[in-house]
Amino acid sequence: MRPSDESRCAQGAREHEFDAFYAASVGRLIGQLYAMTGDLAEAQDVVQEAFVRAWERRAELDLDGAPEAWVRTVAWRLAVSRWRRVRTALAFDRRQGPPPPVPPPEPHHVLLVQALRRIPEAQRRAVVLHHLCDLTVEQVAAEADCPIGTVKAHLSRGRAALARLLADTELDRRTTRLPEVRHG
């Protein structure tokens, strides 16, 4: 065998050993970290991340020594780091105080959103981008990745559908004059 063939065989053997180590210990480690953290999803995440780090260091990791202890320690440290980040974020949120009260939506906004939900998605997207986001037909076409003619058809059909859905409501322009709505 040539030296490069030998090193490939040795690397393959190390990978096979690591796979066997993973299969034999992953369930046990998840159970142990679950007992330590009290959160199964968190335990699964940190054990998986610890195994990724062990895989990256598999050449230096002594599989005959105590690799399970190494993975468990790394997983525990990852869990503690996550807790610290969460604790820091919560402390920051508490220092910020409660968010300012948000007024409820105006009734005509609720009616418009309900009507928009009832028209096809392509029409809804075109109407919202053009009329609420103030994009030109060309800009809507670019964003939707479709021809300008298609956008014009979506706008026409969407407006017609909205007119039918909003007939005889406070948004019916034939019966009610609403103040101009400003965007953004």
N, C-alpha and C. Protein backbone atom coordinates (compact mmCIF):
# COMPACT_ATOMS: atom_id res chain seq x y z
N MET A 1 0.82 -1.19 0.00
CA MET A 1 0.00 0.00 0.00
C MET A 1 0.86 1.25 0.00
N ARG A 2 0.42 2.24 -0.71
CA ARG A 2 1.11 3.53 -0.71
C ARG A 2 0.71 4.31 0.53
N PRO A 3 1.55 5.27 0.94
CA PRO A 3 1.24 6.05 2.15
C PRO A 3 -0.12 6.74 2.07
N SER A 4 -0.50 7.28 0.90
CA SER A 4 -1.78 7.97 0.80
C SER A 4 -2.93 6.98 0.96
N ASP A 5 -2.76 5.75 0.46
CA ASP A 5 -3.79 4.73 0.64
C ASP A 5 -3.92 4.35 2.11
N GLU A 6 -2.79 4.25 2.79
CA GLU A 6 -2.81 3.91 4.22
C GLU A 6 -3.52 4.99 5.02
N SER A 7 -3.23 6.26 4.70
CA SER A 7 -3.87 7.34 5.45
C SER A 7 -5.36 7.38 5.18
N ARG A 8 -5.76 7.07 3.92
CA ARG A 8 -7.19 7.02 3.63
C ARG A 8 -7.86 5.88 4.39
N CYS A 9 -7.21 4.75 4.48
CA CYS A 9 -7.76 3.61 5.23
C CYS A 9 -7.88 3.96 6.71
N ALA A 10 -6.84 4.61 7.24
CA ALA A 10 -6.86 5.01 8.65
C ALA A 10 -7.98 6.01 8.91
N GLN A 11 -8.15 6.96 7.99
CA GLN A 11 -9.20 7.95 8.15
C GLN A 11 -10.57 7.27 8.08
N GLY A 12 -10.73 6.35 7.15
CA GLY A 12 -11.99 5.61 7.05
C GLY A 12 -12.28 4.82 8.31
N ALA A 13 -11.25 4.22 8.87
CA ALA A 13 -11.43 3.47 10.12
C ALA A 13 -11.83 4.40 11.26
N ARG A 14 -11.19 5.61 11.32
CA ARG A 14 -11.55 6.58 12.37
C ARG A 14 -13.00 7.02 12.20
N GLU A 15 -13.42 7.25 10.96
CA GLU A 15 -14.80 7.66 10.72
C GLU A 15 -15.77 6.55 11.11
N HIS A 16 -15.43 5.31 10.81
CA HIS A 16 -16.27 4.18 11.19
C HIS A 16 -16.35 4.07 12.72
N GLU A 17 -15.22 4.25 13.39
CA GLU A 17 -15.20 4.22 14.86
C GLU A 17 -16.07 5.34 15.43
N PHE A 18 -15.97 6.52 14.82
CA PHE A 18 -16.76 7.65 15.30
C PHE A 18 -18.24 7.37 15.10
N ASP A 19 -18.61 6.82 13.94
CA ASP A 19 -20.01 6.48 13.69
C ASP A 19 -20.53 5.50 14.74
N ALA A 20 -19.70 4.49 15.07
CA ALA A 20 -20.10 3.51 16.08
C ALA A 20 -20.23 4.18 17.45
N PHE A 21 -19.31 5.08 17.78
CA PHE A 21 -19.37 5.83 19.04
C PHE A 21 -20.65 6.65 19.10
N TYR A 22 -20.96 7.33 18.01
CA TYR A 22 -22.18 8.15 17.95
C TYR A 22 -23.41 7.28 18.19
N ALA A 23 -23.52 6.20 17.43
CA ALA A 23 -24.69 5.33 17.53
C ALA A 23 -24.85 4.75 18.93
N ALA A 24 -23.74 4.43 19.56
CA ALA A 24 -23.80 3.81 20.89
C ALA A 24 -24.11 4.81 21.99
N SER A 25 -23.79 6.09 21.79
CA SER A 25 -23.89 7.01 22.92
C SER A 25 -24.88 8.16 22.75
N VAL A 26 -25.38 8.42 21.56
CA VAL A 26 -26.23 9.60 21.37
C VAL A 26 -27.48 9.55 22.23
N GLY A 27 -28.15 8.42 22.26
CA GLY A 27 -29.37 8.31 23.07
C GLY A 27 -29.11 8.49 24.55
N ARG A 28 -28.06 7.89 25.02
CA ARG A 28 -27.69 8.00 26.43
C ARG A 28 -27.36 9.46 26.78
N LEU A 29 -26.61 10.14 25.90
CA LEU A 29 -26.24 11.54 26.16
C LEU A 29 -27.46 12.45 26.13
N ILE A 30 -28.36 12.21 25.20
CA ILE A 30 -29.58 13.03 25.17
C ILE A 30 -30.35 12.83 26.47
N GLY A 31 -30.47 11.59 26.92
CA GLY A 31 -31.16 11.33 28.18
C GLY A 31 -30.50 12.03 29.35
N GLN A 32 -29.18 12.01 29.39
CA GLN A 32 -28.45 12.66 30.49
C GLN A 32 -28.63 14.18 30.45
N LEU A 33 -28.51 14.76 29.25
CA LEU A 33 -28.67 16.22 29.13
C LEU A 33 -30.12 16.62 29.37
N TYR A 34 -31.06 15.76 29.00
CA TYR A 34 -32.46 16.04 29.29
C TYR A 34 -32.66 16.10 30.80
N ALA A 35 -32.06 15.16 31.51
CA ALA A 35 -32.17 15.16 32.97
C ALA A 35 -31.52 16.42 33.55
N MET A 36 -30.44 16.87 32.95
CA MET A 36 -29.74 18.06 33.47
C MET A 36 -30.47 19.35 33.14
N THR A 37 -31.05 19.44 31.93
CA THR A 37 -31.66 20.70 31.49
C THR A 37 -33.16 20.75 31.72
N GLY A 38 -33.81 19.60 31.74
CA GLY A 38 -35.26 19.57 31.88
C GLY A 38 -35.99 19.89 30.60
N ASP A 39 -35.30 19.95 29.49
CA ASP A 39 -35.91 20.33 28.20
C ASP A 39 -35.38 19.37 27.14
N LEU A 40 -36.25 18.51 26.63
CA LEU A 40 -35.83 17.49 25.67
C LEU A 40 -35.31 18.11 24.37
N ALA A 41 -36.01 19.09 23.84
CA ALA A 41 -35.57 19.72 22.59
C ALA A 41 -34.20 20.38 22.77
N GLU A 42 -34.02 21.04 23.89
CA GLU A 42 -32.73 21.68 24.19
C GLU A 42 -31.63 20.61 24.30
N ALA A 43 -31.94 19.52 24.98
CA ALA A 43 -30.97 18.43 25.13
C ALA A 43 -30.57 17.87 23.77
N GLN A 44 -31.55 17.65 22.91
CA GLN A 44 -31.25 17.13 21.57
C GLN A 44 -30.38 18.11 20.79
N ASP A 45 -30.70 19.39 20.87
CA ASP A 45 -29.93 20.41 20.14
C ASP A 45 -28.48 20.48 20.61
N VAL A 46 -28.28 20.54 21.92
CA VAL A 46 -26.91 20.71 22.41
C VAL A 46 -26.09 19.45 22.23
N VAL A 47 -26.70 18.28 22.34
CA VAL A 47 -25.96 17.04 22.10
C VAL A 47 -25.58 16.96 20.63
N GLN A 48 -26.49 17.31 19.76
CA GLN A 48 -26.17 17.28 18.33
C GLN A 48 -25.03 18.24 18.01
N GLU A 49 -25.10 19.45 18.56
CA GLU A 49 -24.02 20.42 18.34
C GLU A 49 -22.70 19.92 18.91
N ALA A 50 -22.75 19.29 20.06
CA ALA A 50 -21.52 18.74 20.66
C ALA A 50 -20.94 17.64 19.78
N PHE A 51 -21.79 16.81 19.19
CA PHE A 51 -21.29 15.77 18.28
C PHE A 51 -20.70 16.39 17.01
N VAL A 52 -21.27 17.47 16.54
CA VAL A 52 -20.69 18.16 15.37
C VAL A 52 -19.28 18.64 15.72
N ARG A 53 -19.14 19.20 16.89
CA ARG A 53 -17.81 19.66 17.30
C ARG A 53 -16.85 18.48 17.51
N ALA A 54 -17.36 17.38 18.02
CA ALA A 54 -16.52 16.19 18.18
C ALA A 54 -16.11 15.66 16.80
N TRP A 55 -17.02 15.67 15.85
CA TRP A 55 -16.70 15.22 14.49
C TRP A 55 -15.59 16.07 13.89
N GLU A 56 -15.69 17.38 14.10
CA GLU A 56 -14.66 18.28 13.58
C GLU A 56 -13.30 18.00 14.20
N ARG A 57 -13.28 17.44 15.41
CA ARG A 57 -12.03 17.15 16.12
C ARG A 57 -11.78 15.64 16.22
N ARG A 58 -12.38 14.86 15.35
CA ARG A 58 -12.30 13.40 15.48
C ARG A 58 -10.89 12.88 15.39
N ALA A 59 -10.01 13.60 14.68
CA ALA A 59 -8.62 13.14 14.58
C ALA A 59 -7.92 13.24 15.93
N GLU A 60 -8.26 14.27 16.73
CA GLU A 60 -7.62 14.44 18.04
C GLU A 60 -8.39 13.75 19.17
N LEU A 61 -9.67 13.46 18.93
CA LEU A 61 -10.50 12.88 19.97
C LEU A 61 -10.10 11.43 20.20
N ASP A 62 -9.80 11.11 21.43
CA ASP A 62 -9.36 9.75 21.78
C ASP A 62 -10.60 8.90 22.04
N LEU A 63 -10.97 8.10 21.04
CA LEU A 63 -12.16 7.27 21.17
C LEU A 63 -11.95 6.13 22.17
N ASP A 64 -10.70 5.86 22.51
CA ASP A 64 -10.42 4.83 23.51
C ASP A 64 -10.43 5.43 24.92
N GLY A 65 -10.35 6.75 25.00
CA GLY A 65 -10.34 7.42 26.30
C GLY A 65 -11.76 7.62 26.79
N ALA A 66 -12.15 8.89 26.97
CA ALA A 66 -13.49 9.20 27.48
C ALA A 66 -14.18 10.20 26.54
N PRO A 67 -14.44 9.81 25.29
CA PRO A 67 -15.05 10.75 24.36
C PRO A 67 -16.48 11.12 24.77
N GLU A 68 -17.17 10.21 25.42
CA GLU A 68 -18.53 10.51 25.84
C GLU A 68 -18.54 11.62 26.89
N ALA A 69 -17.58 11.59 27.79
CA ALA A 69 -17.47 12.65 28.79
C ALA A 69 -17.17 13.98 28.12
N TRP A 70 -16.32 13.95 27.08
CA TRP A 70 -15.99 15.18 26.36
C TRP A 70 -17.24 15.75 25.70
N VAL A 71 -18.00 14.89 25.01
CA VAL A 71 -19.23 15.34 24.34
C VAL A 71 -20.24 15.85 25.37
N ARG A 72 -20.39 15.15 26.48
CA ARG A 72 -21.32 15.56 27.53
C ARG A 72 -20.93 16.93 28.09
N THR A 73 -19.64 17.14 28.32
CA THR A 73 -19.16 18.42 28.85
C THR A 73 -19.42 19.55 27.86
N VAL A 74 -19.13 19.29 26.59
CA VAL A 74 -19.37 20.31 25.56
C VAL A 74 -20.87 20.61 25.48
N ALA A 75 -21.70 19.58 25.50
CA ALA A 75 -23.14 19.79 25.43
C ALA A 75 -23.64 20.60 26.63
N TRP A 76 -23.14 20.29 27.81
CA TRP A 76 -23.53 21.04 29.01
C TRP A 76 -23.12 22.50 28.89
N ARG A 77 -21.90 22.73 28.44
CA ARG A 77 -21.43 24.12 28.29
C ARG A 77 -22.26 24.87 27.25
N LEU A 78 -22.66 24.19 26.18
CA LEU A 78 -23.52 24.83 25.18
C LEU A 78 -24.87 25.20 25.80
N ALA A 79 -25.42 24.31 26.60
CA ALA A 79 -26.70 24.60 27.26
C ALA A 79 -26.57 25.80 28.19
N VAL A 80 -25.50 25.84 28.96
CA VAL A 80 -25.28 26.96 29.88
C VAL A 80 -25.12 28.26 29.09
N SER A 81 -24.40 28.21 27.99
CA SER A 81 -24.22 29.41 27.16
C SER A 81 -25.55 29.90 26.62
N ARG A 82 -26.39 28.97 26.20
CA ARG A 82 -27.71 29.37 25.71
C ARG A 82 -28.53 30.01 26.82
N TRP A 83 -28.48 29.43 28.01
CA TRP A 83 -29.22 30.00 29.13
C TRP A 83 -28.74 31.41 29.42
N ARG A 84 -27.44 31.61 29.37
CA ARG A 84 -26.90 32.95 29.64
C ARG A 84 -27.37 33.95 28.59
N ARG A 85 -27.38 33.53 27.33
CA ARG A 85 -27.86 34.43 26.27
C ARG A 85 -29.33 34.77 26.49
N VAL A 86 -30.12 33.77 26.84
CA VAL A 86 -31.55 34.02 27.09
C VAL A 86 -31.73 34.94 28.29
N ARG A 87 -30.97 34.67 29.35
CA ARG A 87 -31.07 35.50 30.56
C ARG A 87 -30.69 36.95 30.24
N THR A 88 -29.65 37.13 29.47
CA THR A 88 -29.22 38.48 29.08
C THR A 88 -30.29 39.17 28.24
N ALA A 89 -30.88 38.43 27.31
CA ALA A 89 -31.93 39.01 26.47
C ALA A 89 -33.15 39.38 27.31
N LEU A 90 -33.52 38.51 28.26
CA LEU A 90 -34.67 38.82 29.13
C LEU A 90 -34.39 40.03 30.01
N ALA A 91 -33.17 40.13 30.52
CA ALA A 91 -32.81 41.29 31.34
C ALA A 91 -32.88 42.56 30.50
N PHE A 92 -32.43 42.48 29.27
CA PHE A 92 -32.51 43.64 28.38
C PHE A 92 -33.97 44.02 28.15
N ASP A 93 -34.81 43.01 27.88
CA ASP A 93 -36.23 43.29 27.66
C ASP A 93 -36.86 43.94 28.88
N ARG A 94 -36.51 43.45 30.07
CA ARG A 94 -37.08 44.03 31.30
C ARG A 94 -36.65 45.49 31.46
N ARG A 95 -35.40 45.78 31.13
CA ARG A 95 -34.92 47.16 31.24
C ARG A 95 -35.63 48.08 30.27
N GLN A 96 -36.06 47.54 29.14
CA GLN A 96 -36.75 48.36 28.14
C GLN A 96 -38.15 48.75 28.58
N GLY A 97 -38.72 48.00 29.51
CA GLY A 97 -40.07 48.29 29.96
C GLY A 97 -41.10 47.74 29.00
N PRO A 98 -42.35 47.88 29.37
CA PRO A 98 -43.41 47.36 28.50
C PRO A 98 -43.50 48.17 27.21
N PRO A 99 -43.90 47.52 26.15
CA PRO A 99 -44.04 48.27 24.90
C PRO A 99 -45.19 49.26 25.00
N PRO A 100 -45.12 50.31 24.23
CA PRO A 100 -46.22 51.28 24.28
C PRO A 100 -47.50 50.63 23.76
N PRO A 101 -48.62 51.07 24.28
CA PRO A 101 -49.88 50.47 23.82
C PRO A 101 -50.10 50.75 22.33
N VAL A 102 -50.64 49.76 21.67
CA VAL A 102 -50.92 49.89 20.24
C VAL A 102 -52.43 49.99 20.09
N PRO A 103 -52.90 51.01 19.43
CA PRO A 103 -54.35 51.12 19.27
C PRO A 103 -54.87 49.99 18.38
N PRO A 104 -56.10 49.59 18.59
CA PRO A 104 -56.66 48.53 17.75
C PRO A 104 -56.80 49.03 16.31
N PRO A 105 -56.85 48.12 15.37
CA PRO A 105 -57.00 48.56 13.97
C PRO A 105 -58.36 49.20 13.75
N GLU A 106 -58.37 50.12 12.83
CA GLU A 106 -59.63 50.78 12.47
C GLU A 106 -60.55 49.76 11.81
N PRO A 107 -61.85 49.90 11.99
CA PRO A 107 -62.78 48.94 11.40
C PRO A 107 -62.61 48.79 9.88
N HIS A 108 -62.33 49.89 9.18
CA HIS A 108 -62.19 49.78 7.73
C HIS A 108 -60.92 49.01 7.34
N HIS A 109 -59.89 49.06 8.20
CA HIS A 109 -58.70 48.25 7.95
C HIS A 109 -59.01 46.77 8.10
N VAL A 110 -59.80 46.44 9.12
CA VAL A 110 -60.18 45.05 9.35
C VAL A 110 -60.98 44.53 8.16
N LEU A 111 -61.93 45.32 7.68
CA LEU A 111 -62.72 44.91 6.52
C LEU A 111 -61.84 44.70 5.29
N LEU A 112 -60.89 45.60 5.08
CA LEU A 112 -60.01 45.48 3.92
C LEU A 112 -59.15 44.22 4.00
N VAL A 113 -58.58 43.94 5.16
CA VAL A 113 -57.75 42.75 5.32
C VAL A 113 -58.59 41.49 5.13
N GLN A 114 -59.80 41.47 5.67
CA GLN A 114 -60.67 40.31 5.48
C GLN A 114 -60.96 40.10 4.00
N ALA A 115 -61.22 41.16 3.28
CA ALA A 115 -61.49 41.04 1.85
C ALA A 115 -60.24 40.60 1.10
N LEU A 116 -59.09 41.16 1.44
CA LEU A 116 -57.84 40.76 0.77
C LEU A 116 -57.56 39.28 0.97
N ARG A 117 -57.89 38.75 2.11
CA ARG A 117 -57.65 37.32 2.39
C ARG A 117 -58.51 36.43 1.49
N ARG A 118 -59.57 36.97 0.96
CA ARG A 118 -60.50 36.16 0.17
C ARG A 118 -60.20 36.18 -1.33
N ILE A 119 -59.25 37.00 -1.77
CA ILE A 119 -58.92 37.00 -3.20
C ILE A 119 -57.68 36.14 -3.42
N PRO A 120 -57.47 35.65 -4.64
CA PRO A 120 -56.30 34.81 -4.91
C PRO A 120 -54.99 35.49 -4.53
N GLU A 121 -54.02 34.69 -4.13
CA GLU A 121 -52.74 35.20 -3.62
C GLU A 121 -52.04 36.11 -4.62
N ALA A 122 -52.01 35.75 -5.89
CA ALA A 122 -51.32 36.58 -6.89
C ALA A 122 -51.98 37.94 -7.02
N GLN A 123 -53.31 37.96 -7.00
CA GLN A 123 -54.03 39.24 -7.06
C GLN A 123 -53.79 40.05 -5.80
N ARG A 124 -53.84 39.38 -4.67
CA ARG A 124 -53.63 40.06 -3.38
C ARG A 124 -52.24 40.69 -3.34
N ARG A 125 -51.24 39.94 -3.76
CA ARG A 125 -49.87 40.47 -3.74
C ARG A 125 -49.75 41.68 -4.65
N ALA A 126 -50.31 41.60 -5.85
CA ALA A 126 -50.23 42.73 -6.78
C ALA A 126 -50.93 43.96 -6.21
N VAL A 127 -52.13 43.76 -5.66
CA VAL A 127 -52.89 44.89 -5.10
C VAL A 127 -52.13 45.53 -3.93
N VAL A 128 -51.62 44.70 -3.04
CA VAL A 128 -50.91 45.23 -1.87
C VAL A 128 -49.64 45.96 -2.29
N LEU A 129 -48.85 45.35 -3.16
CA LEU A 129 -47.60 45.99 -3.59
C LEU A 129 -47.87 47.31 -4.31
N HIS A 130 -48.89 47.32 -5.16
CA HIS A 130 -49.16 48.52 -5.95
C HIS A 130 -49.86 49.61 -5.15
N HIS A 131 -50.91 49.23 -4.42
CA HIS A 131 -51.73 50.25 -3.77
C HIS A 131 -51.30 50.56 -2.33
N LEU A 132 -50.75 49.59 -1.62
CA LEU A 132 -50.36 49.86 -0.24
C LEU A 132 -48.87 50.17 -0.11
N CYS A 133 -48.05 49.53 -0.94
CA CYS A 133 -46.61 49.79 -0.89
C CYS A 133 -46.17 50.84 -1.90
N ASP A 134 -47.13 51.33 -2.68
CA ASP A 134 -46.88 52.40 -3.66
C ASP A 134 -45.81 52.03 -4.69
N LEU A 135 -45.77 50.78 -5.11
CA LEU A 135 -44.84 50.38 -6.17
C LEU A 135 -45.51 50.59 -7.52
N THR A 136 -44.71 50.91 -8.51
CA THR A 136 -45.24 51.03 -9.87
C THR A 136 -45.55 49.63 -10.39
N VAL A 137 -46.29 49.57 -11.49
CA VAL A 137 -46.61 48.27 -12.10
C VAL A 137 -45.31 47.56 -12.49
N GLU A 138 -44.35 48.31 -13.00
CA GLU A 138 -43.07 47.73 -13.39
C GLU A 138 -42.32 47.17 -12.18
N GLN A 139 -42.36 47.88 -11.06
CA GLN A 139 -41.70 47.40 -9.84
C GLN A 139 -42.39 46.15 -9.30
N VAL A 140 -43.72 46.12 -9.36
CA VAL A 140 -44.46 44.93 -8.92
C VAL A 140 -44.08 43.75 -9.80
N ALA A 141 -44.00 43.97 -11.11
CA ALA A 141 -43.63 42.89 -12.04
C ALA A 141 -42.24 42.35 -11.72
N ALA A 142 -41.31 43.25 -11.42
CA ALA A 142 -39.95 42.82 -11.10
C ALA A 142 -39.94 42.03 -9.80
N GLU A 143 -40.65 42.50 -8.80
CA GLU A 143 -40.66 41.81 -7.51
C GLU A 143 -41.39 40.47 -7.59
N ALA A 144 -42.47 40.42 -8.37
CA ALA A 144 -43.24 39.18 -8.50
C ALA A 144 -42.66 38.27 -9.57
N ASP A 145 -41.67 38.76 -10.30
CA ASP A 145 -41.02 37.98 -11.35
C ASP A 145 -42.03 37.48 -12.38
N CYS A 146 -42.84 38.43 -12.86
CA CYS A 146 -43.82 38.08 -13.90
C CYS A 146 -43.95 39.26 -14.87
N PRO A 147 -44.53 39.04 -16.04
CA PRO A 147 -44.66 40.11 -17.04
C PRO A 147 -45.57 41.25 -16.56
N ILE A 148 -45.36 42.42 -17.10
CA ILE A 148 -46.15 43.60 -16.74
C ILE A 148 -47.62 43.36 -17.04
N GLY A 149 -47.91 42.74 -18.17
CA GLY A 149 -49.30 42.45 -18.52
C GLY A 149 -49.99 41.57 -17.49
N THR A 150 -49.26 40.63 -16.94
CA THR A 150 -49.82 39.75 -15.90
C THR A 150 -50.14 40.55 -14.65
N VAL A 151 -49.24 41.47 -14.29
CA VAL A 151 -49.49 42.32 -13.13
C VAL A 151 -50.73 43.17 -13.36
N LYS A 152 -50.86 43.74 -14.54
CA LYS A 152 -52.04 44.56 -14.85
C LYS A 152 -53.32 43.73 -14.75
N ALA A 153 -53.26 42.48 -15.22
CA ALA A 153 -54.44 41.60 -15.13
C ALA A 153 -54.75 41.28 -13.67
N HIS A 154 -53.72 40.99 -12.87
CA HIS A 154 -53.93 40.72 -11.45
C HIS A 154 -54.53 41.93 -10.74
N LEU A 155 -54.03 43.12 -11.07
CA LEU A 155 -54.56 44.33 -10.45
C LEU A 155 -56.02 44.54 -10.83
N SER A 156 -56.34 44.38 -12.09
CA SER A 156 -57.71 44.58 -12.56
C SER A 156 -58.66 43.58 -11.90
N ARG A 157 -58.29 42.32 -11.93
CA ARG A 157 -59.14 41.29 -11.33
C ARG A 157 -59.22 41.44 -9.81
N GLY A 158 -58.09 41.81 -9.19
CA GLY A 158 -58.08 41.99 -7.74
C GLY A 158 -58.96 43.15 -7.30
N ARG A 159 -58.87 44.26 -8.03
CA ARG A 159 -59.73 45.41 -7.69
C ARG A 159 -61.20 45.07 -7.89
N ALA A 160 -61.51 44.34 -8.96
CA ALA A 160 -62.91 43.95 -9.21
C ALA A 160 -63.41 43.02 -8.10
N ALA A 161 -62.58 42.07 -7.70
CA ALA A 161 -62.97 41.15 -6.64
C ALA A 161 -63.16 41.90 -5.32
N LEU A 162 -62.26 42.83 -5.03
CA LEU A 162 -62.39 43.61 -3.80
C LEU A 162 -63.65 44.47 -3.83
N ALA A 163 -63.96 45.04 -4.99
CA ALA A 163 -65.17 45.87 -5.10
C ALA A 163 -66.41 45.03 -4.79
N ARG A 164 -66.43 43.80 -5.30
CA ARG A 164 -67.58 42.92 -5.01
C ARG A 164 -67.63 42.57 -3.53
N LEU A 165 -66.47 42.24 -2.95
CA LEU A 165 -66.42 41.84 -1.55
C LEU A 165 -66.74 42.99 -0.59
N LEU A 166 -66.41 44.18 -1.00
CA LEU A 166 -66.59 45.34 -0.11
C LEU A 166 -67.88 46.10 -0.38
N ALA A 167 -68.68 45.63 -1.35
CA ALA A 167 -69.96 46.28 -1.66
C ALA A 167 -70.83 46.23 -0.42
N ASP A 168 -71.54 47.31 -0.19
CA ASP A 168 -72.46 47.44 0.93
C ASP A 168 -71.77 47.36 2.29
N THR A 169 -70.48 47.72 2.35
CA THR A 169 -69.78 47.86 3.63
C THR A 169 -69.39 49.33 3.75
N GLU A 170 -68.80 49.67 4.85
CA GLU A 170 -68.38 51.07 5.02
C GLU A 170 -67.25 51.45 4.06
N LEU A 171 -66.68 50.47 3.38
CA LEU A 171 -65.63 50.76 2.40
C LEU A 171 -66.18 50.90 0.98
N ASP A 172 -67.48 50.79 0.81
CA ASP A 172 -68.09 50.93 -0.51
C ASP A 172 -68.08 52.41 -0.87
N ARG A 173 -67.26 52.77 -1.84
CA ARG A 173 -67.09 54.18 -2.22
C ARG A 173 -68.38 54.78 -2.80
N ARG A 174 -69.29 53.93 -3.22
CA ARG A 174 -70.56 54.45 -3.76
C ARG A 174 -71.43 55.03 -2.65
N THR A 175 -71.24 54.49 -1.41
CA THR A 175 -72.13 54.91 -0.32
C THR A 175 -71.41 55.70 0.77
N THR A 176 -70.09 55.59 0.85
CA THR A 176 -69.35 56.22 1.94
C THR A 176 -68.10 56.89 1.38
N ARG A 177 -67.78 58.02 1.93
CA ARG A 177 -66.54 58.70 1.55
C ARG A 177 -65.59 58.63 2.73
N LEU A 178 -64.52 57.82 2.60
CA LEU A 178 -63.54 57.66 3.67
C LEU A 178 -62.42 58.67 3.48
N PRO A 179 -61.78 59.05 4.57
CA PRO A 179 -60.61 59.92 4.43
C PRO A 179 -59.49 59.16 3.72
N GLU A 180 -58.62 59.87 3.06
CA GLU A 180 -57.49 59.28 2.36
C GLU A 180 -56.58 58.55 3.35
N VAL A 181 -56.21 57.34 3.04
CA VAL A 181 -55.33 56.54 3.90
C VAL A 181 -53.89 56.80 3.49
N ARG A 182 -53.08 57.14 4.46
CA ARG A 182 -51.65 57.37 4.20
C ARG A 182 -50.87 56.13 4.59
N HIS A 183 -49.87 55.78 3.80
CA HIS A 183 -49.05 54.60 4.04
C HIS A 183 -47.70 55.01 4.56
N GLY A 184 -47.20 54.15 5.43
CA GLY A 184 -45.89 54.15 5.84
C GLY A 184 -45.15 55.10 6.53
